[in-house]
Amino acid sequence: MNGIMFMIVPLGVVGPWQVVIIALVILLLFGGKKIPELMKGLGKGVKSFKEGINEVDEQIKDIDKDLDKAVSDKSEKN
């Protein structure tokens, strides 16, 4: 029964040693010259994702304003 307890590892918990190991593996796989290019691409992707989220948020706000206006116009007619 104790052996099973050691196999259960909480997901999403990354300690400092795990980060160091991951960084070393990335360095070994891609090399020092390729990492800045990868990070630049990752940064562009994150920026594009944030812009997309902001655009969707603005569209939701516009739709909400239109719905509020339609409801107020309908209530004024009654």
PDB file of N, CA and C in Angstrom:
ATOM      1  N   MET A   1       0.827  -1.192   0.000  1.00  0.00           N
ATOM      2  CA  MET A   1       0.000   0.000   0.000  1.00  0.00           C
ATOM      3  C   MET A   1       0.872   1.258   0.000  1.00  0.00           C
ATOM      4  N   ASN A   2       1.988   1.225   0.719  1.00  0.00           N
ATOM      5  CA  ASN A   2       2.876   2.387   0.748  1.00  0.00           C
ATOM      6  C   ASN A   2       3.501   2.650  -0.604  1.00  0.00           C
ATOM      7  N   GLY A   3       3.737   1.616  -1.396  1.00  0.00           N
ATOM      8  CA  GLY A   3       4.304   1.784  -2.726  1.00  0.00           C
ATOM      9  C   GLY A   3       3.391   2.580  -3.633  1.00  0.00           C
ATOM     10  N   ILE A   4       2.105   2.400  -3.465  1.00  0.00           N
ATOM     11  CA  ILE A   4       1.136   3.149  -4.273  1.00  0.00           C
ATOM     12  C   ILE A   4       1.162   4.622  -3.908  1.00  0.00           C
ATOM     13  N   MET A   5       1.341   4.925  -2.657  1.00  0.00           N
ATOM     14  CA  MET A   5       1.341   6.320  -2.206  1.00  0.00           C
ATOM     15  C   MET A   5       2.517   7.095  -2.808  1.00  0.00           C
ATOM     16  N   PHE A   6       3.645   6.434  -3.041  1.00  0.00           N
ATOM     17  CA  PHE A   6       4.794   7.113  -3.620  1.00  0.00           C
ATOM     18  C   PHE A   6       4.590   7.407  -5.104  1.00  0.00           C
ATOM     19  N   MET A   7       3.694   6.673  -5.744  1.00  0.00           N
ATOM     20  CA  MET A   7       3.448   6.868  -7.168  1.00  0.00           C
ATOM     21  C   MET A   7       2.515   8.049  -7.426  1.00  0.00           C
ATOM     22  N   ILE A   8       1.773   8.467  -6.425  1.00  0.00           N
ATOM     23  CA  ILE A   8       0.843   9.581  -6.591  1.00  0.00           C
ATOM     24  C   ILE A   8       1.615  10.879  -6.430  1.00  0.00           C
ATOM     25  N   VAL A   9       1.705  11.645  -7.515  1.00  0.00           N
ATOM     26  CA  VAL A   9       2.447  12.896  -7.518  1.00  0.00           C
ATOM     27  C   VAL A   9       1.483  13.997  -7.923  1.00  0.00           C
ATOM     28  N   PRO A  10       1.412  15.077  -7.150  1.00  0.00           N
ATOM     29  CA  PRO A  10       0.512  16.162  -7.543  1.00  0.00           C
ATOM     30  C   PRO A  10       0.968  16.805  -8.842  1.00  0.00           C
ATOM     31  N   LEU A  11       0.047  16.970  -9.767  1.00  0.00           N
ATOM     32  CA  LEU A  11       0.378  17.583 -11.045  1.00  0.00           C
ATOM     33  C   LEU A  11       0.426  19.101 -10.896  1.00  0.00           C
ATOM     34  N   GLY A  12       1.271  19.738 -11.640  1.00  0.00           N
ATOM     35  CA  GLY A  12       1.354  21.191 -11.614  1.00  0.00           C
ATOM     36  C   GLY A  12       2.340  21.729 -10.602  1.00  0.00           C
ATOM     37  N   VAL A  13       2.973  20.877  -9.823  1.00  0.00           N
ATOM     38  CA  VAL A  13       3.943  21.322  -8.832  1.00  0.00           C
ATOM     39  C   VAL A  13       5.332  21.140  -9.427  1.00  0.00           C
ATOM     40  N   VAL A  14       6.000  22.248  -9.701  1.00  0.00           N
ATOM     41  CA  VAL A  14       7.335  22.198 -10.273  1.00  0.00           C
ATOM     42  C   VAL A  14       8.269  22.943  -9.332  1.00  0.00           C
ATOM     43  N   GLY A  15       9.225  22.210  -8.807  1.00  0.00           N
ATOM     44  CA  GLY A  15      10.188  22.795  -7.884  1.00  0.00           C
ATOM     45  C   GLY A  15      11.374  23.379  -8.622  1.00  0.00           C
ATOM     46  N   PRO A  16      12.286  23.991  -7.894  1.00  0.00           N
ATOM     47  CA  PRO A  16      13.442  24.623  -8.534  1.00  0.00           C
ATOM     48  C   PRO A  16      14.358  23.622  -9.246  1.00  0.00           C
ATOM     49  N   TRP A  17      14.498  22.420  -8.703  1.00  0.00           N
ATOM     50  CA  TRP A  17      15.353  21.430  -9.362  1.00  0.00           C
ATOM     51  C   TRP A  17      14.745  20.963 -10.674  1.00  0.00           C
ATOM     52  N   GLN A  18      13.427  20.856 -10.716  1.00  0.00           N
ATOM     53  CA  GLN A  18      12.779  20.450 -11.961  1.00  0.00           C
ATOM     54  C   GLN A  18      12.977  21.521 -13.038  1.00  0.00           C
ATOM     55  N   VAL A  19      12.917  22.779 -12.645  1.00  0.00           N
ATOM     56  CA  VAL A  19      13.136  23.864 -13.598  1.00  0.00           C
ATOM     57  C   VAL A  19      14.559  23.812 -14.143  1.00  0.00           C
ATOM     58  N   VAL A  20      15.519  23.565 -13.281  1.00  0.00           N
ATOM     59  CA  VAL A  20      16.917  23.471 -13.720  1.00  0.00           C
ATOM     60  C   VAL A  20      17.097  22.313 -14.691  1.00  0.00           C
ATOM     61  N   ILE A  21      16.507  21.175 -14.374  1.00  0.00           N
ATOM     62  CA  ILE A  21      16.620  20.006 -15.254  1.00  0.00           C
ATOM     63  C   ILE A  21      15.972  20.281 -16.599  1.00  0.00           C
ATOM     64  N   ILE A  22      14.794  20.884 -16.592  1.00  0.00           N
ATOM     65  CA  ILE A  22      14.101  21.217 -17.854  1.00  0.00           C
ATOM     66  C   ILE A  22      14.948  22.183 -18.676  1.00  0.00           C
ATOM     67  N   ALA A  23      15.524  23.197 -18.032  1.00  0.00           N
ATOM     68  CA  ALA A  23      16.363  24.162 -18.743  1.00  0.00           C
ATOM     69  C   ALA A  23      17.588  23.485 -19.354  1.00  0.00           C
ATOM     70  N   LEU A  24      18.200  22.573 -18.626  1.00  0.00           N
ATOM     71  CA  LEU A  24      19.360  21.856 -19.160  1.00  0.00           C
ATOM     72  C   LEU A  24      18.983  20.976 -20.354  1.00  0.00           C
ATOM     73  N   VAL A  25      17.849  20.315 -20.273  1.00  0.00           N
ATOM     74  CA  VAL A  25      17.401  19.478 -21.389  1.00  0.00           C
ATOM     75  C   VAL A  25      17.141  20.334 -22.619  1.00  0.00           C
ATOM     76  N   ILE A  26      16.495  21.482 -22.425  1.00  0.00           N
ATOM     77  CA  ILE A  26      16.232  22.386 -23.555  1.00  0.00           C
ATOM     78  C   ILE A  26      17.550  22.874 -24.149  1.00  0.00           C
ATOM     79  N   LEU A  27      18.489  23.231 -23.297  1.00  0.00           N
ATOM     80  CA  LEU A  27      19.797  23.686 -23.776  1.00  0.00           C
ATOM     81  C   LEU A  27      20.512  22.594 -24.571  1.00  0.00           C
ATOM     82  N   LEU A  28      20.435  21.369 -24.096  1.00  0.00           N
ATOM     83  CA  LEU A  28      21.078  20.258 -24.802  1.00  0.00           C
ATOM     84  C   LEU A  28      20.389  19.965 -26.134  1.00  0.00           C
ATOM     85  N   LEU A  29      19.065  20.050 -26.152  1.00  0.00           N
ATOM     86  CA  LEU A  29      18.325  19.720 -27.376  1.00  0.00           C
ATOM     87  C   LEU A  29      18.492  20.778 -28.467  1.00  0.00           C
ATOM     88  N   PHE A  30      18.410  22.042 -28.077  1.00  0.00           N
ATOM     89  CA  PHE A  30      18.373  23.109 -29.077  1.00  0.00           C
ATOM     90  C   PHE A  30      19.682  23.873 -29.223  1.00  0.00           C
ATOM     91  N   GLY A  31      20.529  23.842 -28.239  1.00  0.00           N
ATOM     92  CA  GLY A  31      21.783  24.577 -28.314  1.00  0.00           C
ATOM     93  C   GLY A  31      21.602  26.041 -27.949  1.00  0.00           C
ATOM     94  N   GLY A  32      22.696  26.696 -27.660  1.00  0.00           N
ATOM     95  CA  GLY A  32      22.652  28.086 -27.203  1.00  0.00           C
ATOM     96  C   GLY A  32      22.220  29.077 -28.257  1.00  0.00           C
ATOM     97  N   LYS A  33      22.487  28.798 -29.533  1.00  0.00           N
ATOM     98  CA  LYS A  33      22.147  29.748 -30.596  1.00  0.00           C
ATOM     99  C   LYS A  33      20.668  29.716 -30.947  1.00  0.00           C
ATOM    100  N   LYS A  34      20.050  28.587 -30.784  1.00  0.00           N
ATOM    101  CA  LYS A  34      18.653  28.432 -31.205  1.00  0.00           C
ATOM    102  C   LYS A  34      17.671  28.937 -30.145  1.00  0.00           C
ATOM    103  N   ILE A  35      18.061  28.970 -28.883  1.00  0.00           N
ATOM    104  CA  ILE A  35      17.151  29.341 -27.799  1.00  0.00           C
ATOM    105  C   ILE A  35      16.614  30.767 -27.938  1.00  0.00           C
ATOM    106  N   PRO A  36      17.440  31.794 -28.261  1.00  0.00           N
ATOM    107  CA  PRO A  36      16.865  33.135 -28.429  1.00  0.00           C
ATOM    108  C   PRO A  36      15.800  33.200 -29.528  1.00  0.00           C
ATOM    109  N   GLU A  37      16.016  32.450 -30.598  1.00  0.00           N
ATOM    110  CA  GLU A  37      15.011  32.417 -31.666  1.00  0.00           C
ATOM    111  C   GLU A  37      13.723  31.779 -31.175  1.00  0.00           C
ATOM    112  N   LEU A  38      13.845  30.718 -30.400  1.00  0.00           N
ATOM    113  CA  LEU A  38      12.655  30.062 -29.852  1.00  0.00           C
ATOM    114  C   LEU A  38      11.899  30.987 -28.910  1.00  0.00           C
ATOM    115  N   MET A  39      12.631  31.702 -28.065  1.00  0.00           N
ATOM    116  CA  MET A  39      11.986  32.614 -27.111  1.00  0.00           C
ATOM    117  C   MET A  39      11.319  33.783 -27.837  1.00  0.00           C
ATOM    118  N   LYS A  40      11.945  34.261 -28.908  1.00  0.00           N
ATOM    119  CA  LYS A  40      11.345  35.336 -29.697  1.00  0.00           C
ATOM    120  C   LYS A  40      10.025  34.868 -30.304  1.00  0.00           C
ATOM    121  N   GLY A  41      10.021  33.675 -30.859  1.00  0.00           N
ATOM    122  CA  GLY A  41       8.795  33.118 -31.423  1.00  0.00           C
ATOM    123  C   GLY A  41       7.733  32.906 -30.361  1.00  0.00           C
ATOM    124  N   LEU A  42       8.148  32.436 -29.188  1.00  0.00           N
ATOM    125  CA  LEU A  42       7.204  32.244 -28.089  1.00  0.00           C
ATOM    126  C   LEU A  42       6.615  33.579 -27.654  1.00  0.00           C
ATOM    127  N   GLY A  43       7.450  34.601 -27.577  1.00  0.00           N
ATOM    128  CA  GLY A  43       6.963  35.938 -27.199  1.00  0.00           C
ATOM    129  C   GLY A  43       5.963  36.480 -28.198  1.00  0.00           C
ATOM    130  N   LYS A  44       6.226  36.280 -29.487  1.00  0.00           N
ATOM    131  CA  LYS A  44       5.280  36.726 -30.513  1.00  0.00           C
ATOM    132  C   LYS A  44       3.961  35.972 -30.394  1.00  0.00           C
ATOM    133  N   GLY A  45       4.050  34.695 -30.112  1.00  0.00           N
ATOM    134  CA  GLY A  45       2.834  33.898 -29.952  1.00  0.00           C
ATOM    135  C   GLY A  45       2.000  34.353 -28.772  1.00  0.00           C
ATOM    136  N   VAL A  46       2.651  34.654 -27.655  1.00  0.00           N
ATOM    137  CA  VAL A  46       1.943  35.135 -26.472  1.00  0.00           C
ATOM    138  C   VAL A  46       1.306  36.489 -26.758  1.00  0.00           C
ATOM    139  N   LYS A  47       2.036  37.369 -27.447  1.00  0.00           N
ATOM    140  CA  LYS A  47       1.510  38.689 -27.781  1.00  0.00           C
ATOM    141  C   LYS A  47       0.285  38.566 -28.672  1.00  0.00           C
ATOM    142  N   SER A  48       0.355  37.692 -29.670  1.00  0.00           N
ATOM    143  CA  SER A  48      -0.768  37.471 -30.578  1.00  0.00           C
ATOM    144  C   SER A  48      -1.966  36.908 -29.818  1.00  0.00           C
ATOM    145  N   PHE A  49      -1.718  35.991 -28.892  1.00  0.00           N
ATOM    146  CA  PHE A  49      -2.786  35.405 -28.093  1.00  0.00           C
ATOM    147  C   PHE A  49      -3.480  36.476 -27.253  1.00  0.00           C
ATOM    148  N   LYS A  50      -2.695  37.353 -26.617  1.00  0.00           N
ATOM    149  CA  LYS A  50      -3.272  38.425 -25.797  1.00  0.00           C
ATOM    150  C   LYS A  50      -4.092  39.385 -26.659  1.00  0.00           C
ATOM    151  N   GLU A  51      -3.585  39.707 -27.849  1.00  0.00           N
ATOM    152  CA  GLU A  51      -4.339  40.580 -28.750  1.00  0.00           C
ATOM    153  C   GLU A  51      -5.667  39.939 -29.139  1.00  0.00           C
ATOM    154  N   GLY A  52      -5.656  38.656 -29.401  1.00  0.00           N
ATOM    155  CA  GLY A  52      -6.881  37.937 -29.737  1.00  0.00           C
ATOM    156  C   GLY A  52      -7.877  37.956 -28.595  1.00  0.00           C
ATOM    157  N   ILE A  53      -7.389  37.767 -27.371  1.00  0.00           N
ATOM    158  CA  ILE A  53      -8.270  37.805 -26.201  1.00  0.00           C
ATOM    159  C   ILE A  53      -8.868  39.195 -26.040  1.00  0.00           C
ATOM    160  N   ASN A  54      -8.055  40.235 -26.214  1.00  0.00           N
ATOM    161  CA  ASN A  54      -8.556  41.605 -26.091  1.00  0.00           C
ATOM    162  C   ASN A  54      -9.598  41.900 -27.165  1.00  0.00           C
ATOM    163  N   GLU A  55      -9.386  41.385 -28.379  1.00  0.00           N
ATOM    164  CA  GLU A  55     -10.333  41.600 -29.463  1.00  0.00           C
ATOM    165  C   GLU A  55     -11.675  40.931 -29.153  1.00  0.00           C
ATOM    166  N   VAL A  56     -11.625  39.726 -28.650  1.00  0.00           N
ATOM    167  CA  VAL A  56     -12.859  39.020 -28.284  1.00  0.00           C
ATOM    168  C   VAL A  56     -13.560  39.747 -27.149  1.00  0.00           C
ATOM    169  N   ASP A  57     -12.798  40.253 -26.187  1.00  0.00           N
ATOM    170  CA  ASP A  57     -13.378  40.994 -25.070  1.00  0.00           C
ATOM    171  C   ASP A  57     -14.096  42.252 -25.561  1.00  0.00           C
ATOM    172  N   GLU A  58     -13.484  42.961 -26.494  1.00  0.00           N
ATOM    173  CA  GLU A  58     -14.122  44.148 -27.063  1.00  0.00           C
ATOM    174  C   GLU A  58     -15.409  43.782 -27.805  1.00  0.00           C
ATOM    175  N   GLN A  59     -15.394  42.677 -28.548  1.00  0.00           N
ATOM    176  CA  GLN A  59     -16.593  42.247 -29.262  1.00  0.00           C
ATOM    177  C   GLN A  59     -17.712  41.902 -28.291  1.00  0.00           C
ATOM    178  N   ILE A  60     -17.362  41.258 -27.189  1.00  0.00           N
ATOM    179  CA  ILE A  60     -18.368  40.920 -26.178  1.00  0.00           C
ATOM    180  C   ILE A  60     -18.953  42.185 -25.575  1.00  0.00           C
ATOM    181  N   LYS A  61     -18.113  43.180 -25.303  1.00  0.00           N
ATOM    182  CA  LYS A  61     -18.599  44.441 -24.748  1.00  0.00           C
ATOM    183  C   LYS A  61     -19.525  45.150 -25.737  1.00  0.00           C
ATOM    184  N   ASP A  62     -19.175  45.126 -27.024  1.00  0.00           N
ATOM    185  CA  ASP A  62     -20.020  45.751 -28.040  1.00  0.00           C
ATOM    186  C   ASP A  62     -21.379  45.058 -28.122  1.00  0.00           C
ATOM    187  N   ILE A  63     -21.372  43.741 -28.086  1.00  0.00           N
ATOM    188  CA  ILE A  63     -22.629  42.991 -28.133  1.00  0.00           C
ATOM    189  C   ILE A  63     -23.459  43.290 -26.896  1.00  0.00           C
ATOM    190  N   ASP A  64     -22.820  43.378 -25.746  1.00  0.00           N
ATOM    191  CA  ASP A  64     -23.534  43.687 -24.510  1.00  0.00           C
ATOM    192  C   ASP A  64     -24.176  45.068 -24.583  1.00  0.00           C
ATOM    193  N   LYS A  65     -23.456  46.051 -25.142  1.00  0.00           N
ATOM    194  CA  LYS A  65     -24.019  47.396 -25.297  1.00  0.00           C
ATOM    195  C   LYS A  65     -25.218  47.378 -26.242  1.00  0.00           C
ATOM    196  N   ASP A  66     -25.093  46.625 -27.356  1.00  0.00           N
ATOM    197  CA  ASP A  66     -26.188  46.531 -28.301  1.00  0.00           C
ATOM    198  C   ASP A  66     -27.416  45.883 -27.667  1.00  0.00           C
ATOM    199  N   LEU A  67     -27.196  44.849 -26.871  1.00  0.00           N
ATOM    200  CA  LEU A  67     -28.317  44.186 -26.208  1.00  0.00           C
ATOM    201  C   LEU A  67     -28.974  45.106 -25.183  1.00  0.00           C
ATOM    202  N   ASP A  68     -28.166  45.836 -24.427  1.00  0.00           N
ATOM    203  CA  ASP A  68     -28.718  46.774 -23.454  1.00  0.00           C
ATOM    204  C   ASP A  68     -29.541  47.853 -24.151  1.00  0.00           C
ATOM    205  N   LYS A  69     -29.046  48.337 -25.286  1.00  0.00           N
ATOM    206  CA  LYS A  69     -29.769  49.358 -26.037  1.00  0.00           C
ATOM    207  C   LYS A  69     -31.082  48.799 -26.575  1.00  0.00           C
ATOM    208  N   ALA A  70     -31.049  47.573 -27.093  1.00  0.00           N
ATOM    209  CA  ALA A  70     -32.264  46.961 -27.627  1.00  0.00           C
ATOM    210  C   ALA A  70     -33.297  46.747 -26.520  1.00  0.00           C
ATOM    211  N   VAL A  71     -32.856  46.338 -25.341  1.00  0.00           N
ATOM    212  CA  VAL A  71     -33.775  46.127 -24.227  1.00  0.00           C
ATOM    213  C   VAL A  71     -34.359  47.451 -23.765  1.00  0.00           C
ATOM    214  N   SER A  72     -33.547  48.500 -23.682  1.00  0.00           N
ATOM    215  CA  SER A  72     -34.061  49.793 -23.229  1.00  0.00           C
ATOM    216  C   SER A  72     -35.015  50.402 -24.256  1.00  0.00           C
ATOM    217  N   ASP A  73     -34.731  50.214 -25.563  1.00  0.00           N
ATOM    218  CA  ASP A  73     -35.631  50.696 -26.606  1.00  0.00           C
ATOM    219  C   ASP A  73     -36.963  49.966 -26.543  1.00  0.00           C
ATOM    220  N   LYS A  74     -36.952  48.692 -26.309  1.00  0.00           N
ATOM    221  CA  LYS A  74     -38.177  47.905 -26.236  1.00  0.00           C
ATOM    222  C   LYS A  74     -38.991  48.275 -25.011  1.00  0.00           C
ATOM    223  N   SER A  75     -38.326  48.539 -23.886  1.00  0.00           N
ATOM    224  CA  SER A  75     -39.056  48.897 -22.676  1.00  0.00           C
ATOM    225  C   SER A  75     -39.649  50.301 -22.775  1.00  0.00           C
ATOM    226  N   GLU A  76     -39.019  51.177 -23.531  1.00  0.00           N
ATOM    227  CA  GLU A  76     -39.562  52.532 -23.743  1.00  0.00           C
ATOM    228  C   GLU A  76     -40.812  52.488 -24.606  1.00  0.00           C
ATOM    229  N   LYS A  77     -40.881  51.558 -25.548  1.00  0.00           N
ATOM    230  CA  LYS A  77     -42.047  51.438 -26.418  1.00  0.00           C
ATOM    231  C   LYS A  77     -43.252  50.896 -25.657  1.00  0.00           C
ATOM    232  N   ASN A  78     -43.033  50.120 -24.624  1.00  0.00           N
ATOM    233  CA  ASN A  78     -44.129  49.540 -23.857  1.00  0.00           C
ATOM    234  C   ASN A  78     -44.514  50.508 -22.803  1.00  0.00           C
TER     235      ASN A  78
END
